[in-house]
Amino acid sequence: MPAPEINRRRLLTSAAAAAGGLALAPSAAHAEALAARRAAPTWENLIEKSSFGSTTAFNQSWNHLYPWDGGADTHNGAAKMHSSQISLSQGVLTLTATRLAAPDGTSPHPPNAPLWYRSGAVHAKRQILVNDQFPEYDIEGEFSTDTGLGVWPAFWTTGTWPAWPPETDILEYVGNSTNLFNTWNKTSTGETGEEPTTDGFVTRTKVPVATPGEWHRYRVWLYKEGNDVMIDYYFDDYVATHRGKDWAGIPQWLIINLQMGSWSSEIEPGGAGWAEQRPGPDGDTHLRARNVWVGRTRAW
C-alpha cells in the first residue's frame, strides 16, 4: 500500500526536531510568473471551488474512502471510514469522527490500531501528475478543524501504489495544534531541515496555529524542476519551499481525511492506553473544508 505501510513514529513524536524548509518568500519574478500562468489560456481547472456545493457536484470530482484497493476504509490510525460520516451543507464538506462504545476490530495496516472511531475520508477522482505536459499544479482549500490528543486531520497527496513516497502533507495536525508541512522522499535531497527516517527522508516545516478551528487557507504550488518537483507551501500566506526528489512523472492521489488515535495519542503500540486508544476524544470530532480547488498548466 502507498501510505498504510509507513512507520511515521519518528516524525510525529520527535519533540527535538527543528522546523525545516526554506523560510524565504519566493522572488517577485517567481510570484508574477505563477500568477501569469494561472491566467493564461494553457491553465485548466481540475476541481472547482463549487465541488462541495451539492451531491451532484461532489460526485463529479470526489470519491468516498481512501483510493488504494479500489476504496479502502482503513489506514494507519484508529478510525474506520464510513460514507455516513461525510456530509455537505452550504458548500462545506464535513468529516465527523465518532467515538464508539467498543472497537470495530483492528486496522489491518501497521501499527494495527484498535478501531475505536468511525470517521470519514474522501479522495479526488483526478490524479496529480507533474510532468513536461503538466509542469505546474495549484492545490488549495480552506479548512477548519478540531485538534488535540487523538485527533489527526489531513489534506495530502500520496503516490499511487506502489510509488510511495512521494507524499506532501498540506494540512496535518497530529495530536496538537501545530500544522506539519511534510515532504517525503525515497532519497536525500540535501535540503535544509531534511531528516532520515526508517521509511526514507522527510523535510518538514512546523507552523504553530493559534486558531485551527477557524477558517484558514492551506495551499501548495507544485512545479517541475528537472526530474524534481518543487513545492511552495502556504498557510494563508507563503511559508516554505521543499523539494520532491525525482517526483516528476509519478501520479499522486489527493486525499482529505479525519484519522484518529494511534500516533496522535502519543502512545506506543501495545503500551498503556493502546487497547482503549487513550488519550482520545469522546463524542464527535470534526474536520470542515470549503473552496477546495485544483488547477494546472498544460504545456501542449
Protein backbone atom coordinates (compact mmCIF):
# COMPACT_ATOMS: atom_id res chain seq x y z
CA MET A 1 0.00 0.00 0.00
CA PRO A 2 1.29 3.54 -0.57
CA ALA A 3 0.76 5.06 2.86
CA PRO A 4 -0.56 2.29 5.15
CA GLU A 5 2.83 0.58 5.43
CA ILE A 6 4.53 3.76 6.71
CA ASN A 7 6.03 3.87 10.19
CA ARG A 8 5.65 7.56 10.99
CA ARG A 9 6.60 7.46 14.69
CA ARG A 10 9.99 9.06 14.14
CA LEU A 11 8.48 12.11 12.50
CA LEU A 12 5.39 12.60 14.58
CA THR A 13 6.73 12.22 18.10
CA SER A 14 10.21 13.75 17.86
CA ALA A 15 9.96 16.75 20.12
CA ALA A 16 13.51 17.86 19.44
CA ALA A 17 13.21 18.20 15.66
CA ALA A 18 13.55 21.70 14.24
CA ALA A 19 11.37 23.26 11.59
CA GLY A 20 12.76 22.74 8.09
CA GLY A 21 12.36 24.14 4.61
CA LEU A 22 13.26 27.49 3.11
CA ALA A 23 11.82 30.32 5.16
CA LEU A 24 12.27 32.94 2.46
CA ALA A 25 9.41 34.13 0.28
CA PRO A 26 9.54 33.33 -3.45
CA SER A 27 11.06 36.05 -5.58
CA ALA A 28 8.78 38.70 -7.03
CA ALA A 29 9.57 37.40 -10.52
CA HIS A 30 8.59 33.87 -9.48
CA ALA A 31 5.30 35.05 -7.97
CA GLU A 32 4.50 37.10 -11.07
CA ALA A 33 5.25 34.11 -13.31
CA LEU A 34 2.89 31.90 -11.31
CA ALA A 35 0.12 34.49 -11.49
CA ALA A 36 0.61 34.89 -15.25
CA ARG A 37 0.46 31.14 -15.87
CA ARG A 38 -2.71 30.83 -13.83
CA ALA A 39 -4.34 33.48 -16.03
CA ALA A 40 -3.04 32.01 -19.30
CA PRO A 41 -5.13 30.03 -21.83
CA THR A 42 -3.00 26.97 -21.03
CA TRP A 43 -4.42 26.88 -17.47
CA GLU A 44 -7.17 24.37 -16.69
CA ASN A 45 -9.20 23.67 -13.56
CA LEU A 46 -9.48 20.04 -12.47
CA ILE A 47 -11.58 20.62 -9.35
CA GLU A 48 -13.76 23.71 -8.99
CA LYS A 49 -14.32 25.52 -5.70
CA SER A 50 -18.01 24.63 -6.06
CA SER A 51 -17.40 20.86 -5.82
CA PHE A 52 -18.86 20.75 -2.28
CA GLY A 53 -21.91 22.74 -3.32
CA SER A 54 -24.12 19.72 -4.00
CA THR A 55 -24.06 15.94 -4.10
CA THR A 56 -24.02 16.07 -7.90
CA ALA A 57 -21.01 18.42 -7.95
CA PHE A 58 -19.23 16.31 -5.33
CA ASN A 59 -19.72 13.10 -7.28
CA GLN A 60 -18.18 14.67 -10.38
CA SER A 61 -14.85 15.30 -8.61
CA TRP A 62 -14.64 13.12 -5.48
CA ASN A 63 -14.98 9.56 -4.22
CA HIS A 64 -15.59 8.34 -0.69
CA LEU A 65 -12.94 6.43 1.33
CA TYR A 66 -9.23 6.06 0.59
CA PRO A 67 -8.06 5.45 -3.00
CA TRP A 68 -6.00 2.29 -2.53
CA ASP A 69 -7.51 -1.16 -3.02
CA GLY A 70 -10.31 0.41 -5.06
CA GLY A 71 -11.69 2.20 -2.00
CA ALA A 72 -10.29 1.28 1.42
CA ASP A 73 -11.88 2.12 4.77
CA THR A 74 -8.77 1.85 6.97
CA HIS A 75 -5.34 3.42 7.20
CA ASN A 76 -2.65 3.65 9.90
CA GLY A 77 -4.87 5.13 12.64
CA ALA A 78 -7.74 4.16 14.92
CA ALA A 79 -10.68 5.16 12.70
CA LYS A 80 -12.69 3.12 10.20
CA MET A 81 -14.09 5.27 7.41
CA HIS A 82 -17.80 5.30 6.54
CA SER A 83 -19.79 7.29 3.99
CA SER A 84 -22.29 8.13 6.75
CA GLN A 85 -19.62 10.29 8.41
CA ILE A 86 -19.42 12.59 5.36
CA SER A 87 -21.85 15.47 4.88
CA LEU A 88 -22.33 18.50 2.61
CA SER A 89 -24.05 21.74 3.56
CA GLN A 90 -23.87 25.22 2.02
CA GLY A 91 -20.62 24.50 0.20
CA VAL A 92 -18.91 22.91 3.20
CA LEU A 93 -17.68 19.31 3.41
CA THR A 94 -17.75 17.99 6.99
CA LEU A 95 -15.99 14.83 8.12
CA THR A 96 -17.15 13.64 11.55
CA ALA A 97 -15.27 11.18 13.76
CA THR A 98 -17.39 9.48 16.43
CA ARG A 99 -16.12 7.54 19.42
CA LEU A 100 -17.64 4.05 19.60
CA ALA A 101 -18.73 2.07 22.66
CA ALA A 102 -16.34 -0.72 21.61
CA PRO A 103 -13.68 -1.04 18.90
CA ASP A 104 -14.76 -2.20 15.44
CA GLY A 105 -11.88 -4.66 15.14
CA THR A 106 -8.32 -3.54 14.40
CA SER A 107 -6.77 -1.82 11.41
CA PRO A 108 -5.04 -4.26 9.01
CA HIS A 109 -2.30 -1.67 8.47
CA PRO A 110 0.64 -1.13 10.84
CA PRO A 111 0.58 -0.32 13.70
CA ASN A 112 -2.76 -2.22 13.72
CA ALA A 113 -4.62 0.17 16.00
CA PRO A 114 -7.94 -0.86 17.57
CA LEU A 115 -10.68 0.93 15.60
CA TRP A 116 -12.37 2.95 18.33
CA TYR A 117 -13.65 5.63 15.92
CA ARG A 118 -15.95 5.84 12.93
CA SER A 119 -14.88 8.68 10.63
CA GLY A 120 -14.73 9.90 7.03
CA ALA A 121 -12.29 10.18 4.11
CA VAL A 122 -12.61 11.36 0.51
CA HIS A 123 -10.21 11.43 -2.42
CA ALA A 124 -10.18 13.26 -5.74
CA LYS A 125 -11.07 11.30 -8.86
CA ARG A 126 -8.39 13.10 -10.90
CA GLN A 127 -4.77 12.36 -10.03
CA ILE A 128 -1.94 14.86 -9.66
CA LEU A 129 0.80 14.30 -12.26
CA VAL A 130 3.60 16.85 -12.59
CA ASN A 131 5.49 16.24 -15.84
CA ASP A 132 6.55 18.02 -19.02
CA GLN A 133 2.95 18.21 -20.24
CA PHE A 134 1.58 19.45 -16.89
CA PRO A 135 4.53 21.27 -15.26
CA GLU A 136 2.62 23.20 -12.57
CA TYR A 137 -0.26 22.47 -10.19
CA ASP A 138 -2.04 24.69 -7.70
CA ILE A 139 -3.84 22.83 -4.87
CA GLU A 140 -5.62 24.76 -2.16
CA GLY A 141 -8.55 24.79 0.21
CA GLU A 142 -9.97 26.47 3.28
CA PHE A 143 -10.19 24.28 6.38
CA SER A 144 -11.46 24.44 9.95
CA THR A 145 -10.53 21.55 12.22
CA ASP A 146 -10.66 20.25 15.74
CA THR A 147 -7.24 19.37 17.16
CA GLY A 148 -5.82 17.75 20.29
CA LEU A 149 -4.59 14.40 21.55
CA GLY A 150 -6.03 11.60 19.46
CA VAL A 151 -7.04 13.89 16.53
CA TRP A 152 -5.28 13.51 13.16
CA PRO A 153 -6.86 15.51 10.28
CA ALA A 154 -5.08 15.70 6.92
CA PHE A 155 -5.21 17.20 3.42
CA TRP A 156 -2.44 15.49 1.46
CA THR A 157 -1.16 13.79 -1.66
CA THR A 158 0.43 10.37 -1.90
CA GLY A 159 1.97 8.42 -4.74
CA THR A 160 -0.21 5.78 -6.33
CA TRP A 161 0.67 2.20 -5.42
CA PRO A 162 3.43 1.08 -5.29
CA ALA A 163 5.08 4.52 -5.59
CA TRP A 164 5.43 5.78 -2.02
CA PRO A 165 6.92 8.26 -1.49
CA PRO A 166 6.15 10.88 -2.87
CA GLU A 167 3.89 12.41 -0.25
CA THR A 168 3.16 16.02 0.56
CA ASP A 169 1.17 16.94 3.67
CA ILE A 170 -0.61 20.25 3.08
CA LEU A 171 -2.66 20.13 6.27
CA GLU A 172 -1.70 17.69 9.01
CA TYR A 173 -2.28 18.10 12.73
CA VAL A 174 -1.03 15.16 14.78
CA GLY A 175 -2.34 15.35 18.32
CA ASN A 176 -1.75 19.08 18.79
CA SER A 177 -2.30 22.49 17.13
CA THR A 178 0.88 22.61 15.05
CA ASN A 179 0.38 22.12 11.32
CA LEU A 180 3.02 19.95 9.64
CA PHE A 181 4.11 20.73 6.08
CA ASN A 182 5.89 17.45 5.28
CA THR A 183 7.63 16.34 2.09
CA TRP A 184 8.56 12.63 1.94
CA ASN A 185 11.30 11.32 -0.36
CA LYS A 186 12.91 7.97 -1.10
CA THR A 187 16.39 9.51 -1.35
CA SER A 188 18.01 12.51 0.26
CA THR A 189 17.61 15.93 -1.32
CA GLY A 190 20.23 17.63 0.84
CA GLU A 191 17.73 20.39 1.64
CA THR A 192 17.89 22.25 4.94
CA GLY A 193 15.72 20.58 7.57
CA GLU A 194 15.69 17.15 5.94
CA GLU A 195 15.76 14.16 8.31
CA PRO A 196 16.31 10.44 7.70
CA THR A 197 13.52 8.10 8.83
CA THR A 198 13.01 4.35 8.70
CA ASP A 199 10.97 4.92 5.51
CA GLY A 200 13.19 7.38 3.64
CA PHE A 201 13.77 11.10 4.11
CA VAL A 202 11.44 13.88 5.18
CA THR A 203 11.65 17.65 5.02
CA ARG A 204 9.17 19.44 7.23
CA THR A 205 8.11 22.87 8.31
CA LYS A 206 6.11 23.21 11.53
CA VAL A 207 3.55 26.02 11.83
CA PRO A 208 2.00 26.64 15.27
CA VAL A 209 -1.63 27.64 14.72
CA ALA A 210 -3.48 29.61 17.41
CA THR A 211 -6.91 29.07 15.83
CA PRO A 212 -7.08 25.81 13.83
CA GLY A 213 -10.86 25.79 14.39
CA GLU A 214 -11.20 29.00 12.38
CA TRP A 215 -11.06 29.04 8.59
CA HIS A 216 -7.53 29.15 7.13
CA ARG A 217 -6.22 28.61 3.60
CA TYR A 218 -3.81 25.69 3.07
CA ARG A 219 -2.08 25.55 -0.29
CA VAL A 220 0.75 24.05 -2.31
CA TRP A 221 2.10 25.16 -5.68
CA LEU A 222 3.91 22.26 -7.38
CA TYR A 223 6.27 23.00 -10.27
CA LYS A 224 8.68 20.83 -12.24
CA GLU A 225 12.41 21.45 -11.96
CA GLY A 226 14.28 18.82 -13.98
CA ASN A 227 13.31 15.43 -12.53
CA ASP A 228 12.27 17.06 -9.25
CA VAL A 229 9.09 18.79 -8.16
CA MET A 230 9.39 21.97 -6.08
CA ILE A 231 6.66 22.55 -3.50
CA ASP A 232 5.71 26.02 -2.26
CA TYR A 233 3.68 25.71 0.97
CA TYR A 234 1.20 28.33 2.15
CA PHE A 235 -0.68 28.75 5.41
CA ASP A 236 -2.78 31.76 4.46
CA ASP A 237 0.50 33.29 3.18
CA TYR A 238 3.72 31.74 1.89
CA VAL A 239 5.63 29.64 4.46
CA ALA A 240 8.35 27.48 2.86
CA THR A 241 9.64 25.64 -0.20
CA HIS A 242 10.60 21.94 -0.21
CA ARG A 243 11.99 19.66 -2.93
CA GLY A 244 10.31 16.46 -4.08
CA LYS A 245 13.25 14.39 -5.30
CA ASP A 246 12.53 12.55 -8.59
CA TRP A 247 8.79 13.16 -8.25
CA ALA A 248 8.29 14.21 -11.88
CA GLY A 249 6.13 11.73 -13.75
CA ILE A 250 4.78 9.94 -10.64
CA PRO A 251 0.97 10.15 -10.29
CA GLN A 252 -0.44 11.04 -6.88
CA TRP A 253 -3.80 10.87 -5.15
CA LEU A 254 -5.29 13.88 -3.34
CA ILE A 255 -6.97 12.94 -0.04
CA ILE A 256 -8.94 14.65 2.73
CA ASN A 257 -9.43 12.52 5.85
CA LEU A 258 -10.05 12.72 9.57
CA GLN A 259 -7.93 9.98 11.11
CA MET A 260 -7.92 9.40 14.87
CA GLY A 261 -5.89 7.86 17.68
CA SER A 262 -2.72 5.86 17.13
CA TRP A 263 0.27 8.20 16.61
CA SER A 264 -1.80 11.27 17.52
CA SER A 265 -2.44 9.94 21.03
CA GLU A 266 1.32 9.69 21.69
CA ILE A 267 1.02 6.09 22.93
CA GLU A 268 3.21 3.18 21.95
CA PRO A 269 1.62 0.15 20.24
CA GLY A 270 0.77 -2.35 22.97
CA GLY A 271 1.56 0.13 25.75
CA ALA A 272 -0.64 1.74 28.37
CA GLY A 273 -3.77 3.13 26.74
CA TRP A 274 -3.21 1.39 23.40
CA ALA A 275 -6.14 -1.02 23.61
CA GLU A 276 -8.51 1.83 24.52
CA GLN A 277 -6.77 4.41 22.27
CA ARG A 278 -6.48 6.80 25.21
CA PRO A 279 -6.00 9.67 25.45
CA GLY A 280 -8.54 10.41 22.76
CA PRO A 281 -11.70 12.50 22.44
CA ASP A 282 -15.17 11.31 23.37
CA GLY A 283 -18.21 12.27 21.33
CA ASP A 284 -17.76 13.83 17.88
CA THR A 285 -14.71 15.48 16.28
CA HIS A 286 -14.88 17.48 13.03
CA LEU A 287 -12.83 18.50 10.02
CA ARG A 288 -14.51 21.01 7.68
CA ALA A 289 -13.43 22.02 4.18
CA ARG A 290 -14.64 24.56 1.62
CA ASN A 291 -13.41 26.13 -1.62
CA VAL A 292 -11.05 23.22 -2.34
CA TRP A 293 -9.58 23.80 -5.76
CA VAL A 294 -7.07 22.13 -8.09
CA GLY A 295 -5.68 23.59 -11.31
CA ARG A 296 -2.71 23.02 -13.59
CA THR A 297 -0.84 24.38 -16.59
CA ARG A 298 -0.82 22.45 -19.85
CA ALA A 299 2.38 22.81 -21.87
CA TRP A 300 0.76 21.44 -25.06
